[in-house]
């Protein structure tokens, strides 16, 4: 039997995603909007570097995220959790159940980025509430968790509006922001092209934003279901790049199978696709 740490001396779990991001490695991810541990575990073994567990545009909640984190834990795939809003109470609860990497939506300014970081830090540098017996602390078994937790937490913020585009350098300068994610869908709407992230002006804005994030010294991220554009963004410098969505894979795969064996099946309705 292998030796186990003494009570109260479990190590702080390392954040492989944060470490790889800081080394500049290319991390390929998949969006998980099917708010259930079973599909999360299925895709966790597919070979992606990271999975985005989405609670902004899904019916997931903290309990769902907990079960998803448990389901993917045995696999060499890092979970990143997106809260529904930049709110310290929501962020606190996600951290307490063991999330170590967060993607904060709709960050519009340096002030909002600082608030996101503060929500992940204990006082005196932040506002995260303290509990010594959470899953994050391995139920009180991680020694000095409160003093060390921030070293393994990864805070990613989403820039996804016209206003936020103008604030990229200020947002990137915030201490504790580990990366900036460009959200093409909301950005398209903000730029006057709702539902059309393929509009030339939107694509140009995304490409320019990637360059500005990289020039500011921070990793850049993106979600796109277009393989050619994904490669284009990687070439431009994205280092955490999501290339698909579980719901889309299931829906389009089902559409194709139905049409293959049931010619009368209607062609799928137009779908808004990221560039």
Protein backbone atom coordinates (compact mmCIF):
# COMPACT_ATOMS: atom_id res chain seq x y z
CA UNK A 1 0.00 0.00 0.00
CA UNK A 2 1.39 3.40 -0.97
CA UNK A 3 2.18 5.87 1.77
CA UNK A 4 -0.42 8.55 2.37
CA UNK A 5 0.23 12.08 3.67
CA UNK A 6 -0.33 12.57 7.36
CA UNK A 7 -3.65 14.18 8.34
CA UNK A 8 -3.51 17.89 7.64
CA UNK A 9 -0.61 17.54 5.21
CA UNK A 10 -2.23 16.87 1.86
CA UNK A 11 -0.58 19.01 -0.84
CA UNK A 12 -2.45 21.77 -2.60
CA UNK A 13 -3.64 20.23 -5.89
CA UNK A 14 -1.56 21.63 -8.76
CA UNK A 15 -3.29 23.42 -11.62
CA UNK A 16 -1.91 21.81 -14.78
CA UNK A 17 -3.89 24.21 -17.00
CA UNK A 18 -2.40 27.30 -15.37
CA UNK A 19 1.10 25.86 -15.53
CA UNK A 20 0.82 24.98 -19.22
CA UNK A 21 -0.71 28.37 -20.00
CA UNK A 22 2.19 30.15 -18.33
CA UNK A 23 4.62 28.10 -20.43
CA UNK A 24 2.90 29.23 -23.62
CA UNK A 25 1.74 25.77 -24.62
CA UNK A 26 -1.13 25.41 -27.08
CA UNK A 27 -4.16 24.07 -25.18
CA UNK A 28 -7.06 22.75 -27.25
CA UNK A 29 -10.43 22.69 -25.52
CA UNK A 30 -14.06 21.69 -25.84
CA UNK A 31 -17.11 23.59 -24.57
CA UNK A 32 -19.40 21.54 -22.31
CA UNK A 33 -22.97 22.83 -22.18
CA UNK A 34 -24.60 19.47 -21.47
CA UNK A 35 -24.89 20.09 -17.76
CA UNK A 36 -24.33 16.56 -16.51
CA UNK A 37 -21.32 14.52 -15.34
CA UNK A 38 -21.87 11.65 -17.76
CA UNK A 39 -21.26 13.52 -21.04
CA UNK A 40 -18.45 15.46 -19.35
CA UNK A 41 -16.73 12.20 -18.51
CA UNK A 42 -17.26 10.90 -22.05
CA UNK A 43 -15.47 13.84 -23.64
CA UNK A 44 -12.82 14.03 -20.88
CA UNK A 45 -11.24 10.92 -22.36
CA UNK A 46 -11.21 12.19 -25.93
CA UNK A 47 -7.80 13.88 -25.73
CA UNK A 48 -8.65 17.56 -25.22
CA UNK A 49 -6.35 19.59 -22.99
CA UNK A 50 -9.23 21.39 -21.26
CA UNK A 51 -12.99 21.38 -20.94
CA UNK A 52 -15.10 24.47 -20.35
CA UNK A 53 -17.90 23.65 -17.91
CA UNK A 54 -20.47 26.30 -18.74
CA UNK A 55 -22.99 27.69 -16.28
CA UNK A 56 -23.68 30.94 -18.16
CA UNK A 57 -25.58 29.46 -21.11
CA UNK A 58 -26.74 26.14 -19.66
CA UNK A 59 -28.97 24.91 -16.86
CA UNK A 60 -25.94 23.97 -14.75
CA UNK A 61 -25.50 25.14 -11.17
CA UNK A 62 -22.91 24.65 -8.43
CA UNK A 63 -24.10 21.10 -7.69
CA UNK A 64 -23.85 20.21 -11.38
CA UNK A 65 -20.33 21.60 -11.57
CA UNK A 66 -19.32 19.59 -8.50
CA UNK A 67 -20.43 16.35 -10.13
CA UNK A 68 -18.72 17.29 -13.39
CA UNK A 69 -15.45 18.07 -11.60
CA UNK A 70 -15.61 14.69 -9.90
CA UNK A 71 -16.37 12.95 -13.19
CA UNK A 72 -13.42 14.41 -15.10
CA UNK A 73 -10.91 14.27 -12.23
CA UNK A 74 -9.38 10.90 -13.27
CA UNK A 75 -8.58 12.14 -16.77
CA UNK A 76 -5.59 14.20 -17.99
CA UNK A 77 -7.91 17.02 -19.02
CA UNK A 78 -8.24 20.29 -17.09
CA UNK A 79 -11.68 21.67 -16.21
CA UNK A 80 -12.30 25.39 -16.58
CA UNK A 81 -15.58 26.67 -15.12
CA UNK A 82 -17.52 29.63 -16.46
CA UNK A 83 -19.79 31.23 -13.84
CA UNK A 84 -22.98 32.89 -15.08
CA UNK A 85 -21.84 36.31 -13.91
CA UNK A 86 -18.90 38.12 -12.36
CA UNK A 87 -20.25 37.78 -8.84
CA UNK A 88 -18.18 37.11 -5.71
CA UNK A 89 -20.79 34.83 -4.11
CA UNK A 90 -21.10 32.63 -7.20
CA UNK A 91 -17.32 32.56 -7.66
CA UNK A 92 -16.80 31.68 -3.98
CA UNK A 93 -19.15 28.70 -4.24
CA UNK A 94 -17.49 27.39 -7.41
CA UNK A 95 -14.05 27.67 -5.83
CA UNK A 96 -15.22 25.91 -2.69
CA UNK A 97 -16.38 22.84 -4.65
CA UNK A 98 -12.94 22.59 -6.24
CA UNK A 99 -12.85 24.72 -9.38
CA UNK A 100 -9.32 26.05 -9.88
CA UNK A 101 -9.68 27.77 -13.26
CA UNK A 102 -12.48 30.24 -13.97
CA UNK A 103 -13.57 32.01 -17.15
CA UNK A 104 -15.37 35.18 -16.07
CA UNK A 105 -17.89 36.50 -18.64
CA UNK A 106 -18.62 40.06 -19.70
CA UNK A 107 -15.60 41.82 -18.21
CA UNK A 108 -15.74 45.37 -19.52
CA UNK A 109 -13.02 47.22 -17.63
CA UNK A 110 -9.97 46.96 -15.43
CA UNK A 111 -12.21 47.59 -12.42
CA UNK A 112 -14.36 44.59 -13.27
CA UNK A 113 -11.26 42.47 -13.86
CA UNK A 114 -9.92 43.48 -10.44
CA UNK A 115 -13.26 42.52 -8.90
CA UNK A 116 -13.04 39.09 -10.53
CA UNK A 117 -9.55 38.54 -9.16
CA UNK A 118 -10.55 39.81 -5.70
CA UNK A 119 -13.37 37.26 -5.61
CA UNK A 120 -10.74 34.49 -5.81
CA UNK A 121 -8.48 35.89 -3.08
CA UNK A 122 -8.90 35.87 0.68
CA UNK A 123 -8.56 39.06 2.71
CA UNK A 124 -6.62 41.25 2.96
CA UNK A 125 -6.01 41.11 -0.81
CA UNK A 126 -9.50 39.94 -1.78
CA UNK A 127 -13.06 39.26 -0.68
CA UNK A 128 -13.40 35.47 -0.89
CA UNK A 129 -15.20 34.10 2.14
CA UNK A 130 -13.30 31.61 4.28
CA UNK A 131 -14.38 28.05 5.00
CA UNK A 132 -11.86 25.47 6.16
CA UNK A 133 -13.84 22.33 5.32
CA UNK A 134 -14.62 22.55 1.61
CA UNK A 135 -13.75 20.18 -1.20
CA UNK A 136 -11.16 22.74 -2.33
CA UNK A 137 -9.28 22.26 0.96
CA UNK A 138 -9.70 18.47 0.73
CA UNK A 139 -12.01 18.91 3.68
CA UNK A 140 -9.44 20.60 5.86
CA UNK A 141 -6.53 18.35 4.91
CA UNK A 142 -4.53 20.85 2.80
CA UNK A 143 -2.10 22.58 5.09
CA UNK A 144 -2.04 26.39 4.74
CA UNK A 145 -4.72 26.33 2.02
CA UNK A 146 -5.81 29.90 2.74
CA UNK A 147 -2.28 31.20 2.29
CA UNK A 148 -1.49 29.14 -0.82
CA UNK A 149 -4.75 28.76 -2.74
CA UNK A 150 -4.21 31.74 -5.05
CA UNK A 151 -0.98 30.24 -6.40
CA UNK A 152 -2.94 27.49 -8.16
CA UNK A 153 -6.02 29.49 -9.17
CA UNK A 154 -6.32 30.66 -12.77
CA UNK A 155 -8.47 33.69 -13.60
CA UNK A 156 -9.44 34.15 -17.24
CA UNK A 157 -11.66 37.05 -18.29
CA UNK A 158 -13.87 37.44 -21.34
CA UNK A 159 -13.65 40.48 -23.59
CA UNK A 160 -16.81 40.40 -25.68
CA UNK A 161 -18.11 43.89 -26.39
CA UNK A 162 -17.12 47.05 -28.24
CA UNK A 163 -16.44 48.77 -24.93
CA UNK A 164 -14.29 45.91 -23.65
CA UNK A 165 -12.22 45.92 -26.84
CA UNK A 166 -11.17 49.44 -26.02
CA UNK A 167 -10.05 48.34 -22.56
CA UNK A 168 -7.87 45.33 -23.47
CA UNK A 169 -4.56 46.82 -22.38
CA UNK A 170 -6.00 48.05 -19.06
CA UNK A 171 -7.65 44.70 -18.38
CA UNK A 172 -4.45 42.85 -19.25
CA UNK A 173 -2.49 44.99 -16.79
CA UNK A 174 -4.56 43.80 -13.81
CA UNK A 175 -2.49 41.66 -11.46
CA UNK A 176 -4.01 38.19 -11.18
CA UNK A 177 -5.56 38.06 -14.65
CA UNK A 178 -4.00 34.98 -16.20
CA UNK A 179 -5.50 35.23 -19.69
CA UNK A 180 -8.03 37.04 -21.86
CA UNK A 181 -10.67 35.23 -23.87
CA UNK A 182 -12.28 36.85 -26.92
CA UNK A 183 -16.00 35.98 -27.15
CA UNK A 184 -17.01 36.13 -30.85
CA UNK A 185 -20.77 35.66 -30.32
CA UNK A 186 -21.43 38.55 -27.97
CA UNK A 187 -18.80 40.63 -29.72
CA UNK A 188 -20.66 40.21 -33.00
CA UNK A 189 -23.87 41.48 -31.40
CA UNK A 190 -22.06 44.42 -29.83
CA UNK A 191 -20.58 45.35 -33.20
CA UNK A 192 -23.99 45.33 -34.87
CA UNK A 193 -24.01 41.79 -36.28
CA UNK A 194 -26.09 39.70 -33.87
CA UNK A 195 -25.92 36.03 -34.79
CA UNK A 196 -23.21 36.58 -37.40
CA UNK A 197 -19.72 36.13 -35.95
CA UNK A 198 -18.51 35.52 -39.51
CA UNK A 199 -19.13 39.14 -40.51
CA UNK A 200 -15.85 40.55 -41.89
CA UNK A 201 -15.76 43.37 -39.34
CA UNK A 202 -16.22 40.90 -36.48
CA UNK A 203 -13.50 38.58 -37.77
CA UNK A 204 -11.18 41.55 -38.16
CA UNK A 205 -11.95 42.72 -34.61
CA UNK A 206 -11.25 39.25 -33.21
CA UNK A 207 -7.96 38.98 -35.04
CA UNK A 208 -6.86 42.44 -33.93
CA UNK A 209 -7.87 41.69 -30.33
CA UNK A 210 -5.74 38.53 -30.28
CA UNK A 211 -2.72 40.56 -31.33
CA UNK A 212 -3.37 43.21 -28.69
CA UNK A 213 -3.79 40.64 -25.92
CA UNK A 214 -0.52 38.99 -26.90
CA UNK A 215 1.25 42.36 -27.15
CA UNK A 216 0.05 43.13 -23.64
CA UNK A 217 1.80 40.00 -22.43
CA UNK A 218 -1.20 37.81 -21.64
CA UNK A 219 -2.37 34.49 -23.15
CA UNK A 220 -5.28 34.85 -25.57
CA UNK A 221 -8.19 32.44 -25.93
CA UNK A 222 -11.12 31.88 -28.26
CA UNK A 223 -14.02 29.55 -29.07
CA UNK A 224 -14.75 28.72 -32.70
CA UNK A 225 -16.31 25.72 -34.38
CA UNK A 226 -14.68 26.57 -37.71
CA UNK A 227 -11.47 24.50 -37.99
CA UNK A 228 -9.87 26.86 -40.51
CA UNK A 229 -10.51 29.90 -38.33
CA UNK A 230 -9.31 28.01 -35.26
CA UNK A 231 -5.99 27.39 -37.00
CA UNK A 232 -5.90 31.02 -38.12
CA UNK A 233 -6.32 32.17 -34.51
CA UNK A 234 -3.66 29.74 -33.29
CA UNK A 235 -1.32 31.14 -35.91
CA UNK A 236 -2.13 34.64 -34.66
CA UNK A 237 -1.29 33.63 -31.10
CA UNK A 238 -4.18 32.09 -29.18
CA UNK A 239 -2.92 29.57 -26.65
CA UNK A 240 -6.17 28.33 -25.13
CA UNK A 241 -8.39 27.58 -28.09
CA UNK A 242 -11.75 25.83 -27.85
CA UNK A 243 -12.71 24.14 -31.11
CA UNK A 244 -16.16 22.69 -30.48
CA UNK A 245 -19.27 22.50 -28.31
CA UNK A 246 -20.68 19.23 -26.99
CA UNK A 247 -24.27 20.22 -27.80
CA UNK A 248 -23.29 21.07 -31.37
CA UNK A 249 -21.44 17.79 -31.82
CA UNK A 250 -24.48 15.85 -30.66
CA UNK A 251 -27.00 17.88 -32.67
CA UNK A 252 -25.05 17.92 -35.93
CA UNK A 253 -24.08 14.26 -35.59
CA UNK A 254 -27.73 13.35 -35.03
CA UNK A 255 -28.77 15.47 -38.02
CA UNK A 256 -26.27 13.73 -40.27
CA UNK A 257 -27.21 10.24 -39.13
CA UNK A 258 -30.92 10.92 -39.55
CA UNK A 259 -30.46 12.29 -43.08
CA UNK A 260 -28.24 9.35 -44.02
CA UNK A 261 -30.89 6.76 -43.20
CA UNK A 262 -34.06 8.82 -43.45
CA UNK A 263 -33.99 10.86 -46.65
CA UNK A 264 -37.29 12.50 -45.74
CA UNK A 265 -35.65 14.07 -42.67
CA UNK A 266 -35.66 17.81 -43.04
CA UNK A 267 -32.37 19.62 -43.44
CA UNK A 268 -31.39 21.27 -40.17
CA UNK A 269 -32.39 24.86 -39.66
CA UNK A 270 -29.75 27.51 -40.01
CA UNK A 271 -27.42 27.53 -37.04
CA UNK A 272 -25.38 30.47 -35.81
CA UNK A 273 -21.80 29.31 -36.11
CA UNK A 274 -18.77 30.98 -34.65
CA UNK A 275 -16.19 32.05 -37.26
